[in-house]
PDB file of N, CA and C in Angstrom:
ATOM      1  N   MET A   1    -144.969  11.464 201.079  1.00  0.00           N
ATOM      2  CA  MET A   1    -144.166  10.370 200.327  1.00  0.00           C
ATOM      3  C   MET A   1    -143.991   9.229 201.372  1.00  0.00           C
ATOM      4  N   ASN A   2    -144.186   8.015 200.846  1.00  0.00           N
ATOM      5  CA  ASN A   2    -143.835   7.008 201.648  1.00  0.00           C
ATOM      6  C   ASN A   2    -142.634   6.559 201.934  1.00  0.00           C
ATOM      7  N   SER A   3    -142.314   6.131 202.964  1.00  0.00           N
ATOM      8  CA  SER A   3    -140.781   5.732 203.241  1.00  0.00           C
ATOM      9  C   SER A   3    -140.423   4.500 202.606  1.00  0.00           C
ATOM     10  N   PRO A   4    -139.215   4.132 202.366  1.00  0.00           N
ATOM     11  CA  PRO A   4    -138.620   2.983 201.786  1.00  0.00           C
ATOM     12  C   PRO A   4    -138.949   1.858 202.763  1.00  0.00           C
ATOM     13  N   VAL A   5    -138.911   1.949 204.024  1.00  0.00           N
ATOM     14  CA  VAL A   5    -139.076   0.987 204.834  1.00  0.00           C
ATOM     15  C   VAL A   5    -140.519   0.348 204.969  1.00  0.00           C
ATOM     16  N   SER A   6    -141.627   1.279 204.847  1.00  0.00           N
ATOM     17  CA  SER A   6    -142.934   0.848 204.945  1.00  0.00           C
ATOM     18  C   SER A   6    -143.223   0.111 203.637  1.00  0.00           C
ATOM     19  N   THR A   7    -142.667   0.520 202.317  1.00  0.00           N
ATOM     20  CA  THR A   7    -142.882   0.015 201.137  1.00  0.00           C
ATOM     21  C   THR A   7    -142.201  -1.615 201.253  1.00  0.00           C
ATOM     22  N   GLY A   8    -141.121  -1.616 201.666  1.00  0.00           N
ATOM     23  CA  GLY A   8    -140.493  -2.918 201.817  1.00  0.00           C
ATOM     24  C   GLY A   8    -141.234  -3.734 202.605  1.00  0.00           C
ATOM     25  N   GLY A   9    -141.936  -3.383 203.724  1.00  0.00           N
ATOM     26  CA  GLY A   9    -142.608  -4.099 204.506  1.00  0.00           C
ATOM     27  C   GLY A   9    -143.806  -4.695 204.003  1.00  0.00           C
ATOM     28  N   ARG A  10    -144.549  -3.800 203.187  1.00  0.00           N
ATOM     29  CA  ARG A  10    -145.608  -4.180 202.435  1.00  0.00           C
ATOM     30  C   ARG A  10    -145.326  -5.315 201.252  1.00  0.00           C
ATOM     31  N   ARG A  11    -144.148  -5.158 200.751  1.00  0.00           N
ATOM     32  CA  ARG A  11    -143.659  -6.126 199.608  1.00  0.00           C
ATOM     33  C   ARG A  11    -143.478  -7.476 200.411  1.00  0.00           C
ATOM     34  N   ARG A  12    -142.786  -7.363 201.647  1.00  0.00           N
ATOM     35  CA  ARG A  12    -142.514  -8.612 202.185  1.00  0.00           C
ATOM     36  C   ARG A  12    -143.819  -9.130 202.708  1.00  0.00           C
ATOM     37  N   GLY A  13    -144.632  -8.524 203.067  1.00  0.00           N
ATOM     38  CA  GLY A  13    -146.067  -9.018 203.581  1.00  0.00           C
ATOM     39  C   GLY A  13    -146.839  -9.744 202.348  1.00  0.00           C
ATOM     40  N   ARG A  14    -146.674  -9.019 201.234  1.00  0.00           N
ATOM     41  CA  ARG A  14    -147.344  -9.492 200.066  1.00  0.00           C
ATOM     42  C   ARG A  14    -146.651 -10.851 199.575  1.00  0.00           C
ATOM     43  N   ALA A  15    -145.572 -10.736 199.568  1.00  0.00           N
ATOM     44  CA  ALA A  15    -144.659 -12.052 199.225  1.00  0.00           C
ATOM     45  C   ALA A  15    -144.829 -13.348 200.050  1.00  0.00           C
ATOM     46  N   ALA A  16    -145.055 -13.039 201.378  1.00  0.00           N
ATOM     47  CA  ALA A  16    -145.305 -13.902 202.344  1.00  0.00           C
ATOM     48  C   ALA A  16    -146.666 -14.507 202.130  1.00  0.00           C
ATOM     49  N   ALA A  17    -147.603 -13.560 201.785  1.00  0.00           N
ATOM     50  CA  ALA A  17    -149.044 -14.063 201.606  1.00  0.00           C
ATOM     51  C   ALA A  17    -149.100 -14.908 200.311  1.00  0.00           C
ATOM     52  N   ALA A  18    -148.277 -14.451 199.171  1.00  0.00           N
ATOM     53  CA  ALA A  18    -148.216 -15.177 197.982  1.00  0.00           C
ATOM     54  C   ALA A  18    -147.716 -16.582 198.175  1.00  0.00           C
ATOM     55  N   VAL A  19    -146.639 -16.674 198.857  1.00  0.00           N
ATOM     56  CA  VAL A  19    -146.008 -17.900 199.301  1.00  0.00           C
ATOM     57  C   VAL A  19    -146.835 -18.896 199.904  1.00  0.00           C
ATOM     58  N   ALA A  20    -147.651 -18.323 200.981  1.00  0.00           N
ATOM     59  CA  ALA A  20    -148.555 -19.217 201.769  1.00  0.00           C
ATOM     60  C   ALA A  20    -149.822 -19.682 200.871  1.00  0.00           C
ATOM     61  N   LEU A  21    -150.031 -18.845 199.999  1.00  0.00           N
ATOM     62  CA  LEU A  21    -151.281 -19.184 199.079  1.00  0.00           C
ATOM     63  C   LEU A  21    -150.859 -20.212 198.061  1.00  0.00           C
ATOM     64  N   ALA A  22    -149.601 -20.095 197.684  1.00  0.00           N
ATOM     65  CA  ALA A  22    -149.014 -21.146 196.654  1.00  0.00           C
ATOM     66  C   ALA A  22    -148.866 -22.447 197.216  1.00  0.00           C
ATOM     67  N   MET A  23    -148.250 -22.434 198.488  1.00  0.00           N
ATOM     68  CA  MET A  23    -148.122 -23.671 199.280  1.00  0.00           C
ATOM     69  C   MET A  23    -149.451 -24.406 199.620  1.00  0.00           C
ATOM     70  N   GLY A  24    -150.463 -23.594 199.996  1.00  0.00           N
ATOM     71  CA  GLY A  24    -151.706 -24.100 200.074  1.00  0.00           C
ATOM     72  C   GLY A  24    -152.421 -24.816 198.804  1.00  0.00           C
ATOM     73  N   ALA A  25    -152.176 -24.164 197.606  1.00  0.00           N
ATOM     74  CA  ALA A  25    -152.751 -24.600 196.526  1.00  0.00           C
ATOM     75  C   ALA A  25    -151.978 -25.971 196.065  1.00  0.00           C
ATOM     76  N   VAL A  26    -150.861 -25.934 196.284  1.00  0.00           N
ATOM     77  CA  VAL A  26    -149.997 -27.288 196.125  1.00  0.00           C
ATOM     78  C   VAL A  26    -150.485 -28.484 196.851  1.00  0.00           C
ATOM     79  N   LEU A  27    -150.606 -28.161 198.211  1.00  0.00           N
ATOM     80  CA  LEU A  27    -151.069 -29.138 199.170  1.00  0.00           C
ATOM     81  C   LEU A  27    -152.366 -29.697 198.909  1.00  0.00           C
ATOM     82  N   MET A  28    -153.441 -28.790 198.401  1.00  0.00           N
ATOM     83  CA  MET A  28    -154.528 -29.177 198.146  1.00  0.00           C
ATOM     84  C   MET A  28    -154.641 -30.023 196.696  1.00  0.00           C
ATOM     85  N   ALA A  29    -153.873 -29.638 195.842  1.00  0.00           N
ATOM     86  CA  ALA A  29    -153.905 -30.462 194.663  1.00  0.00           C
ATOM     87  C   ALA A  29    -153.458 -31.709 194.731  1.00  0.00           C
ATOM     88  N   SER A  30    -152.325 -31.951 195.603  1.00  0.00           N
ATOM     89  CA  SER A  30    -151.823 -33.255 196.039  1.00  0.00           C
ATOM     90  C   SER A  30    -152.801 -34.025 196.533  1.00  0.00           C
ATOM     91  N   ALA A  31    -153.525 -33.519 197.537  1.00  0.00           N
ATOM     92  CA  ALA A  31    -154.458 -34.365 198.375  1.00  0.00           C
ATOM     93  C   ALA A  31    -155.517 -34.841 197.467  1.00  0.00           C
ATOM     94  N   ALA A  32    -156.040 -33.700 196.505  1.00  0.00           N
ATOM     95  CA  ALA A  32    -157.047 -34.204 195.564  1.00  0.00           C
ATOM     96  C   ALA A  32    -156.707 -35.270 194.587  1.00  0.00           C
ATOM     97  N   ALA A  33    -155.473 -35.142 194.130  1.00  0.00           N
ATOM     98  CA  ALA A  33    -154.898 -36.216 193.307  1.00  0.00           C
ATOM     99  C   ALA A  33    -154.853 -37.559 193.773  1.00  0.00           C
ATOM    100  N   GLY A  34    -154.397 -37.569 195.019  1.00  0.00           N
ATOM    101  CA  GLY A  34    -154.341 -38.752 195.679  1.00  0.00           C
ATOM    102  C   GLY A  34    -155.763 -39.293 196.013  1.00  0.00           C
ATOM    103  N   ALA A  35    -156.731 -38.586 196.424  1.00  0.00           N
ATOM    104  CA  ALA A  35    -157.946 -39.068 196.684  1.00  0.00           C
ATOM    105  C   ALA A  35    -158.613 -39.635 195.407  1.00  0.00           C
ATOM    106  N   ALA A  36    -158.279 -38.958 194.289  1.00  0.00           N
ATOM    107  CA  ALA A  36    -158.964 -39.327 192.951  1.00  0.00           C
ATOM    108  C   ALA A  36    -158.463 -40.667 192.370  1.00  0.00           C
ATOM    109  N   ASP A  37    -157.194 -41.014 192.679  1.00  0.00           N
ATOM    110  CA  ASP A  37    -156.510 -42.077 192.145  1.00  0.00           C
ATOM    111  C   ASP A  37    -157.186 -43.482 192.655  1.00  0.00           C
ATOM    112  N   LEU A  38    -158.127 -43.990 192.067  1.00  0.00           N
ATOM    113  CA  LEU A  38    -158.778 -45.314 192.400  1.00  0.00           C
ATOM    114  C   LEU A  38    -158.228 -46.371 191.788  1.00  0.00           C
ATOM    115  N   GLY A  39    -157.453 -46.319 190.933  1.00  0.00           N
ATOM    116  CA  GLY A  39    -156.832 -47.518 190.168  1.00  0.00           C
ATOM    117  C   GLY A  39    -157.808 -47.627 188.735  1.00  0.00           C
ATOM    118  N   MET A  40    -157.609 -49.000 188.143  1.00  0.00           N
ATOM    119  CA  MET A  40    -158.428 -49.197 187.097  1.00  0.00           C
ATOM    120  C   MET A  40    -158.582 -50.717 186.877  1.00  0.00           C
ATOM    121  N   ILE A  41    -159.570 -50.948 186.144  1.00  0.00           N
ATOM    122  CA  ILE A  41    -159.995 -52.323 185.664  1.00  0.00           C
ATOM    123  C   ILE A  41    -159.385 -52.655 184.299  1.00  0.00           C
ATOM    124  N   LEU A  42    -158.628 -53.569 183.992  1.00  0.00           N
ATOM    125  CA  LEU A  42    -158.251 -53.878 182.716  1.00  0.00           C
ATOM    126  C   LEU A  42    -159.050 -55.164 182.261  1.00  0.00           C
ATOM    127  N   TYR A  43    -159.446 -55.060 181.016  1.00  0.00           N
ATOM    128  CA  TYR A  43    -160.390 -56.279 180.614  1.00  0.00           C
ATOM    129  C   TYR A  43    -160.304 -56.280 178.981  1.00  0.00           C
ATOM    130  N   THR A  44    -160.748 -57.448 178.531  1.00  0.00           N
ATOM    131  CA  THR A  44    -160.635 -57.646 177.125  1.00  0.00           C
ATOM    132  C   THR A  44    -162.179 -57.651 176.491  1.00  0.00           C
ATOM    133  N   THR A  45    -162.371 -56.767 175.589  1.00  0.00           N
ATOM    134  CA  THR A  45    -163.710 -56.771 174.956  1.00  0.00           C
ATOM    135  C   THR A  45    -164.231 -58.024 174.267  1.00  0.00           C
ATOM    136  N   PRO A  46    -165.447 -58.105 173.958  1.00  0.00           N
ATOM    137  CA  PRO A  46    -165.805 -59.471 173.232  1.00  0.00           C
ATOM    138  C   PRO A  46    -165.206 -59.438 171.890  1.00  0.00           C
ATOM    139  N   GLN A  47    -164.832 -58.315 171.261  1.00  0.00           N
ATOM    140  CA  GLN A  47    -163.925 -58.299 170.061  1.00  0.00           C
ATOM    141  C   GLN A  47    -162.515 -58.758 170.175  1.00  0.00           C
ATOM    142  N   GLY A  48    -162.187 -58.865 171.444  1.00  0.00           N
ATOM    143  CA  GLY A  48    -160.641 -59.249 171.500  1.00  0.00           C
ATOM    144  C   GLY A  48    -159.807 -58.061 171.728  1.00  0.00           C
ATOM    145  N   LYS A  49    -160.341 -56.814 171.977  1.00  0.00           N
ATOM    146  CA  LYS A  49    -159.460 -55.718 172.040  1.00  0.00           C
ATOM    147  C   LYS A  49    -159.308 -55.387 173.708  1.00  0.00           C
ATOM    148  N   LYS A  50    -158.018 -54.882 173.975  1.00  0.00           N
ATOM    149  CA  LYS A  50    -157.795 -54.499 175.403  1.00  0.00           C
ATOM    150  C   LYS A  50    -158.351 -53.277 175.631  1.00  0.00           C
ATOM    151  N   ALA A  51    -158.944 -53.113 176.986  1.00  0.00           N
ATOM    152  CA  ALA A  51    -159.700 -51.935 177.400  1.00  0.00           C
ATOM    153  C   ALA A  51    -159.396 -51.723 178.735  1.00  0.00           C
ATOM    154  N   THR A  52    -159.638 -50.425 179.241  1.00  0.00           N
ATOM    155  CA  THR A  52    -159.234 -49.964 180.481  1.00  0.00           C
ATOM    156  C   THR A  52    -160.564 -49.101 180.941  1.00  0.00           C
ATOM    157  N   LEU A  53    -160.941 -49.336 182.173  1.00  0.00           N
ATOM    158  CA  LEU A  53    -161.915 -48.553 182.830  1.00  0.00           C
ATOM    159  C   LEU A  53    -160.956 -47.844 184.138  1.00  0.00           C
ATOM    160  N   SER A  54    -160.775 -46.609 183.703  1.00  0.00           N
ATOM    161  CA  SER A  54    -159.874 -45.838 184.867  1.00  0.00           C
ATOM    162  C   SER A  54    -160.789 -45.141 185.757  1.00  0.00           C
ATOM    163  N   GLN A  55    -160.299 -45.127 186.888  1.00  0.00           N
ATOM    164  CA  GLN A  55    -160.905 -44.605 188.137  1.00  0.00           C
ATOM    165  C   GLN A  55    -162.352 -44.922 188.368  1.00  0.00           C
ATOM    166  N   PRO A  56    -162.621 -46.292 188.440  1.00  0.00           N
ATOM    167  CA  PRO A  56    -163.960 -46.783 188.740  1.00  0.00           C
ATOM    168  C   PRO A  56    -164.349 -46.213 190.163  1.00  0.00           C
ATOM    169  N   LEU A  57    -165.551 -45.698 190.300  1.00  0.00           N
ATOM    170  CA  LEU A  57    -166.174 -45.101 191.457  1.00  0.00           C
ATOM    171  C   LEU A  57    -166.639 -46.312 192.211  1.00  0.00           C
ATOM    172  N   PRO A  58    -166.371 -46.653 193.649  1.00  0.00           N
ATOM    173  CA  PRO A  58    -166.775 -47.680 194.329  1.00  0.00           C
ATOM    174  C   PRO A  58    -168.459 -47.474 194.493  1.00  0.00           C
ATOM    175  N   GLY A  59    -169.281 -48.531 194.346  1.00  0.00           N
ATOM    176  CA  GLY A  59    -170.504 -48.547 194.393  1.00  0.00           C
ATOM    177  C   GLY A  59    -171.410 -48.166 193.053  1.00  0.00           C
ATOM    178  N   HIS A  60    -170.590 -47.825 192.184  1.00  0.00           N
ATOM    179  CA  HIS A  60    -171.226 -47.467 190.660  1.00  0.00           C
ATOM    180  C   HIS A  60    -171.235 -48.707 189.835  1.00  0.00           C
ATOM    181  N   CYS A  61    -172.275 -48.862 189.125  1.00  0.00           N
ATOM    182  CA  CYS A  61    -172.503 -50.061 188.229  1.00  0.00           C
ATOM    183  C   CYS A  61    -171.882 -49.384 186.859  1.00  0.00           C
ATOM    184  N   TYR A  62    -170.999 -50.291 186.208  1.00  0.00           N
ATOM    185  CA  TYR A  62    -170.750 -50.061 184.906  1.00  0.00           C
ATOM    186  C   TYR A  62    -171.150 -50.965 183.998  1.00  0.00           C
ATOM    187  N   THR A  63    -171.894 -50.552 183.041  1.00  0.00           N
ATOM    188  CA  THR A  63    -172.383 -51.572 181.858  1.00  0.00           C
ATOM    189  C   THR A  63    -171.538 -51.618 180.759  1.00  0.00           C
ATOM    190  N   LEU A  64    -170.661 -52.565 180.861  1.00  0.00           N
ATOM    191  CA  LEU A  64    -169.772 -52.706 179.661  1.00  0.00           C
ATOM    192  C   LEU A  64    -169.529 -54.300 179.551  1.00  0.00           C
ATOM    193  N   ALA A  65    -169.130 -54.717 178.337  1.00  0.00           N
ATOM    194  CA  ALA A  65    -169.137 -56.093 178.075  1.00  0.00           C
ATOM    195  C   ALA A  65    -167.588 -56.513 178.057  1.00  0.00           C
ATOM    196  N   GLY A  66    -167.193 -57.701 178.749  1.00  0.00           N
ATOM    197  CA  GLY A  66    -165.886 -58.121 178.674  1.00  0.00           C
ATOM    198  C   GLY A  66    -165.982 -59.774 178.408  1.00  0.00           C
ATOM    199  N   SER A  67    -164.981 -60.152 177.830  1.00  0.00           N
ATOM    200  CA  SER A  67    -164.810 -61.726 177.445  1.00  0.00           C
ATOM    201  C   SER A  67    -163.270 -61.918 177.253  1.00  0.00           C
ATOM    202  N   GLY A  68    -162.649 -62.358 178.278  1.00  0.00           N
ATOM    203  CA  GLY A  68    -161.343 -62.735 178.221  1.00  0.00           C
ATOM    204  C   GLY A  68    -160.618 -62.166 179.545  1.00  0.00           C
ATOM    205  N   SER A  69    -159.208 -61.994 179.447  1.00  0.00           N
ATOM    206  CA  SER A  69    -158.338 -61.571 180.410  1.00  0.00           C
ATOM    207  C   SER A  69    -158.937 -60.187 181.098  1.00  0.00           C
ATOM    208  N   THR A  70    -159.053 -60.303 182.512  1.00  0.00           N
ATOM    209  CA  THR A  70    -159.632 -59.253 183.242  1.00  0.00           C
ATOM    210  C   THR A  70    -158.718 -59.110 184.596  1.00  0.00           C
ATOM    211  N   ALA A  71    -158.435 -57.885 184.929  1.00  0.00           N
ATOM    212  CA  ALA A  71    -157.635 -57.558 186.209  1.00  0.00           C
ATOM    213  C   ALA A  71    -158.213 -56.531 186.937  1.00  0.00           C
ATOM    214  N   ASN A  72    -158.215 -56.582 188.222  1.00  0.00           N
ATOM    215  CA  ASN A  72    -158.469 -55.655 189.095  1.00  0.00           C
ATOM    216  C   ASN A  72    -157.404 -54.947 189.713  1.00  0.00           C
ATOM    217  N   LEU A  73    -157.110 -53.663 189.233  1.00  0.00           N
ATOM    218  CA  LEU A  73    -155.908 -52.944 189.694  1.00  0.00           C
ATOM    219  C   LEU A  73    -156.313 -51.903 190.718  1.00  0.00           C
ATOM    220  N   SER A  74    -157.301 -52.166 191.533  1.00  0.00           N
ATOM    221  CA  SER A  74    -157.722 -51.093 192.611  1.00  0.00           C
ATOM    222  C   SER A  74    -156.731 -50.719 193.461  1.00  0.00           C
ATOM    223  N   LEU A  75    -156.499 -49.452 193.773  1.00  0.00           N
ATOM    224  CA  LEU A  75    -155.558 -48.907 194.515  1.00  0.00           C
ATOM    225  C   LEU A  75    -156.150 -48.525 195.699  1.00  0.00           C
ATOM    226  N   VAL A  76    -157.482 -48.747 195.992  1.00  0.00           N
ATOM    227  CA  VAL A  76    -158.135 -48.376 197.256  1.00  0.00           C
ATOM    228  C   VAL A  76    -158.654 -49.689 197.957  1.00  0.00           C
ATOM    229  N   GLY A  77    -158.040 -50.784 197.554  1.00  0.00           N
ATOM    230  CA  GLY A  77    -158.316 -52.094 198.202  1.00  0.00           C
ATOM    231  C   GLY A  77    -159.851 -52.588 197.913  1.00  0.00           C
ATOM    232  N   LYS A  78    -160.596 -52.282 196.940  1.00  0.00           N
ATOM    233  CA  LYS A  78    -161.899 -52.692 196.691  1.00  0.00           C
ATOM    234  C   LYS A  78    -162.089 -53.906 195.784  1.00  0.00           C
ATOM    235  N   SER A  79    -162.789 -54.764 196.003  1.00  0.00           N
ATOM    236  CA  SER A  79    -163.036 -56.083 195.162  1.00  0.00           C
ATOM    237  C   SER A  79    -163.972 -55.634 194.140  1.00  0.00           C
ATOM    238  N   ALA A  80    -163.790 -56.146 192.837  1.00  0.00           N
ATOM    239  CA  ALA A  80    -164.608 -55.926 191.923  1.00  0.00           C
ATOM    240  C   ALA A  80    -165.697 -57.211 191.659  1.00  0.00           C
ATOM    241  N   HIS A  81    -166.956 -56.820 191.287  1.00  0.00           N
ATOM    242  CA  HIS A  81    -167.846 -57.860 191.185  1.00  0.00           C
ATOM    243  C   HIS A  81    -168.379 -57.822 189.766  1.00  0.00           C
ATOM    244  N   PHE A  82    -168.440 -58.820 188.992  1.00  0.00           N
ATOM    245  CA  PHE A  82    -168.821 -59.061 187.566  1.00  0.00           C
ATOM    246  C   PHE A  82    -170.325 -59.594 187.451  1.00  0.00           C
ATOM    247  N   TYR A  83    -171.072 -59.111 186.471  1.00  0.00           N
ATOM    248  CA  TYR A  83    -172.298 -59.555 186.197  1.00  0.00           C
ATOM    249  C   TYR A  83    -172.667 -60.080 185.013  1.00  0.00           C
ATOM    250  N   ALA A  84    -173.429 -61.136 184.831  1.00  0.00           N
ATOM    251  CA  ALA A  84    -173.697 -61.676 183.364  1.00  0.00           C
ATOM    252  C   ALA A  84    -174.564 -60.784 182.704  1.00  0.00           C
ATOM    253  N   LYS A  85    -175.417 -60.076 183.372  1.00  0.00           N
ATOM    254  CA  LYS A  85    -176.416 -59.100 182.680  1.00  0.00           C
ATOM    255  C   LYS A  85    -175.947 -57.657 182.940  1.00  0.00           C
ATOM    256  N   PRO A  86    -176.592 -56.688 182.017  1.00  0.00           N
ATOM    257  CA  PRO A  86    -176.224 -55.390 182.176  1.00  0.00           C
ATOM    258  C   PRO A  86    -176.824 -54.744 183.542  1.00  0.00           C
ATOM    259  N   HIS A  87    -176.518 -53.524 183.647  1.00  0.00           N
ATOM    260  CA  HIS A  87    -176.978 -52.956 184.964  1.00  0.00           C
ATOM    261  C   HIS A  87    -176.804 -53.596 186.186  1.00  0.00           C
ATOM    262  N   CYS A  88    -175.800 -54.541 186.305  1.00  0.00           N
ATOM    263  CA  CYS A  88    -175.398 -55.275 187.531  1.00  0.00           C
ATOM    264  C   CYS A  88    -176.736 -55.978 188.091  1.00  0.00           C
ATOM    265  N   ALA A  89    -177.500 -56.532 187.214  1.00  0.00           N
ATOM    266  CA  ALA A  89    -178.706 -57.256 187.585  1.00  0.00           C
ATOM    267  C   ALA A  89    -178.147 -58.630 188.039  1.00  0.00           C
ATOM    268  N   GLY A  90    -178.909 -59.178 189.021  1.00  0.00           N
ATOM    269  CA  GLY A  90    -178.828 -60.511 189.377  1.00  0.00           C
ATOM    270  C   GLY A  90    -177.600 -60.694 190.380  1.00  0.00           C
ATOM    271  N   ALA A  91    -177.038 -61.902 190.633  1.00  0.00           N
ATOM    272  CA  ALA A  91    -175.931 -62.161 191.431  1.00  0.00           C
ATOM    273  C   ALA A  91    -174.770 -62.112 190.727  1.00  0.00           C
ATOM    274  N   PRO A  92    -173.623 -61.764 191.242  1.00  0.00           N
ATOM    275  CA  PRO A  92    -172.326 -61.584 190.404  1.00  0.00           C
ATOM    276  C   PRO A  92    -171.925 -63.014 190.058  1.00  0.00           C
ATOM    277  N   VAL A  93    -171.384 -63.073 188.852  1.00  0.00           N
ATOM    278  CA  VAL A  93    -170.867 -64.440 188.267  1.00  0.00           C
ATOM    279  C   VAL A  93    -169.403 -64.574 188.625  1.00  0.00           C
ATOM    280  N   ALA A  94    -168.760 -63.538 189.180  1.00  0.00           N
ATOM    281  CA  ALA A  94    -167.330 -63.497 189.498  1.00  0.00           C
ATOM    282  C   ALA A  94    -167.080 -62.429 190.304  1.00  0.00           C
ATOM    283  N   ASP A  95    -165.973 -62.577 191.239  1.00  0.00           N
ATOM    284  CA  ASP A  95    -165.389 -61.578 192.146  1.00  0.00           C
ATOM    285  C   ASP A  95    -163.954 -61.469 191.935  1.00  0.00           C
ATOM    286  N   LEU A  96    -163.414 -60.368 191.838  1.00  0.00           N
ATOM    287  CA  LEU A  96    -161.837 -60.086 191.816  1.00  0.00           C
ATOM    288  C   LEU A  96    -161.390 -59.300 192.909  1.00  0.00           C
ATOM    289  N   GLY A  97    -160.524 -59.684 193.797  1.00  0.00           N
ATOM    290  CA  GLY A  97    -159.990 -58.987 194.782  1.00  0.00           C
ATOM    291  C   GLY A  97    -159.033 -58.030 194.129  1.00  0.00           C
ATOM    292  N   PRO A  98    -158.367 -56.996 194.943  1.00  0.00           N
ATOM    293  CA  PRO A  98    -157.286 -56.078 194.395  1.00  0.00           C
ATOM    294  C   PRO A  98    -156.263 -56.753 194.003  1.00  0.00           C
ATOM    295  N   GLY A  99    -155.626 -56.473 192.752  1.00  0.00           N
ATOM    296  CA  GLY A  99    -154.379 -57.141 192.174  1.00  0.00           C
ATOM    297  C   GLY A  99    -154.701 -58.517 191.682  1.00  0.00           C
ATOM    298  N   LYS A 100    -155.873 -58.974 191.595  1.00  0.00           N
ATOM    299  CA  LYS A 100    -156.186 -60.227 190.974  1.00  0.00           C
ATOM    300  C   LYS A 100    -156.433 -60.233 189.488  1.00  0.00           C
ATOM    301  N   ARG A 101    -156.400 -61.394 188.697  1.00  0.00           N
ATOM    302  CA  ARG A 101    -156.542 -61.443 187.373  1.00  0.00           C
ATOM    303  C   ARG A 101    -157.121 -62.740 187.097  1.00  0.00           C
ATOM    304  N   ARG A 102    -158.135 -62.940 186.083  1.00  0.00           N
ATOM    305  CA  ARG A 102    -158.834 -63.913 185.694  1.00  0.00           C
ATOM    306  C   ARG A 102    -159.474 -63.896 184.262  1.00  0.00           C
ATOM    307  N   ASP A 103    -159.637 -65.007 183.486  1.00  0.00           N
ATOM    308  CA  ASP A 103    -160.522 -64.829 182.421  1.00  0.00           C
ATOM    309  C   ASP A 103    -161.945 -65.005 182.696  1.00  0.00           C
ATOM    310  N   LEU A 104    -162.599 -63.724 182.267  1.00  0.00           N
ATOM    311  CA  LEU A 104    -163.940 -63.716 182.620  1.00  0.00           C
ATOM    312  C   LEU A 104    -164.954 -63.231 181.497  1.00  0.00           C
ATOM    313  N   ARG A 105    -166.148 -63.629 181.480  1.00  0.00           N
ATOM    314  CA  ARG A 105    -167.131 -63.123 180.491  1.00  0.00           C
ATOM    315  C   ARG A 105    -168.184 -62.240 181.369  1.00  0.00           C
ATOM    316  N   PHE A 106    -168.598 -61.065 181.085  1.00  0.00           N
ATOM    317  CA  PHE A 106    -169.456 -60.299 181.719  1.00  0.00           C
ATOM    318  C   PHE A 106    -169.893 -59.106 180.965  1.00  0.00           C
ATOM    319  N   ALA A 107    -171.201 -58.784 181.634  1.00  0.00           N
ATOM    320  CA  ALA A 107    -171.797 -57.684 180.886  1.00  0.00           C
ATOM    321  C   ALA A 107    -171.822 -56.377 181.711  1.00  0.00           C
ATOM    322  N   SER A 108    -171.513 -56.389 183.047  1.00  0.00           N
ATOM    323  CA  SER A 108    -171.340 -55.255 183.749  1.00  0.00           C
ATOM    324  C   SER A 108    -170.530 -55.517 184.929  1.00  0.00           C
ATOM    325  N   LEU A 109    -170.021 -54.512 185.724  1.00  0.00           N
ATOM    326  CA  LEU A 109    -169.353 -54.606 186.971  1.00  0.00           C
ATOM    327  C   LEU A 109    -169.499 -53.554 187.908  1.00  0.00           C
ATOM    328  N   ARG A 110    -169.185 -53.895 189.242  1.00  0.00           N
ATOM    329  CA  ARG A 110    -169.256 -52.877 190.290  1.00  0.00           C
ATOM    330  C   ARG A 110    -168.257 -53.008 191.308  1.00  0.00           C
ATOM    331  N   LEU A 111    -167.505 -52.033 191.768  1.00  0.00           N
ATOM    332  CA  LEU A 111    -166.550 -52.194 192.949  1.00  0.00           C
ATOM    333  C   LEU A 111    -167.386 -52.119 194.188  1.00  0.00           C
ATOM    334  N   ASP A 112    -166.793 -52.744 195.195  1.00  0.00           N
ATOM    335  CA  ASP A 112    -167.442 -52.574 196.561  1.00  0.00           C
ATOM    336  C   ASP A 112    -167.659 -51.066 196.883  1.00  0.00           C
ATOM    337  N   ALA A 113    -168.719 -50.831 197.500  1.00  0.00           N
ATOM    338  CA  ALA A 113    -168.996 -49.420 198.027  1.00  0.00           C
ATOM    339  C   ALA A 113    -168.236 -49.114 199.173  1.00  0.00           C
ATOM    340  N   ASP A 114    -167.878 -47.944 199.372  1.00  0.00           N
ATOM    341  CA  ASP A 114    -167.186 -47.471 200.574  1.00  0.00           C
ATOM    342  C   ASP A 114    -168.051 -47.815 201.747  1.00  0.00           C
ATOM    343  N   GLN A 115    -167.362 -48.329 202.766  1.00  0.00           N
ATOM    344  CA  GLN A 115    -167.993 -48.586 204.152  1.00  0.00           C
ATOM    345  C   GLN A 115    -168.046 -47.338 204.921  1.00  0.00           C
TER     346      GLN A 115
END
């Protein structure tokens, strides 16, 4: 028969391991959430509706049309470049730094790529 002391030791060991595992999961989830929070681009569609591009990835081209109030709410300090043509073709027609807003007409956009 097992003694109560050894059973308690195993329970304490299991409890400590469970606490360590839970703390690790919480810390990893917090780090992942922070890394994924890239901000957003607020814009007005050609139909006059407000729209949001959430979590835009730096360096990725987004083909979407905008006409009107546009804001770069980047949380990672990236400038947004707006193009008159789809697929980010040609030179940008406008650039918006983080926290900036302007009335724009565009067919695609790209945030600065990570350096």
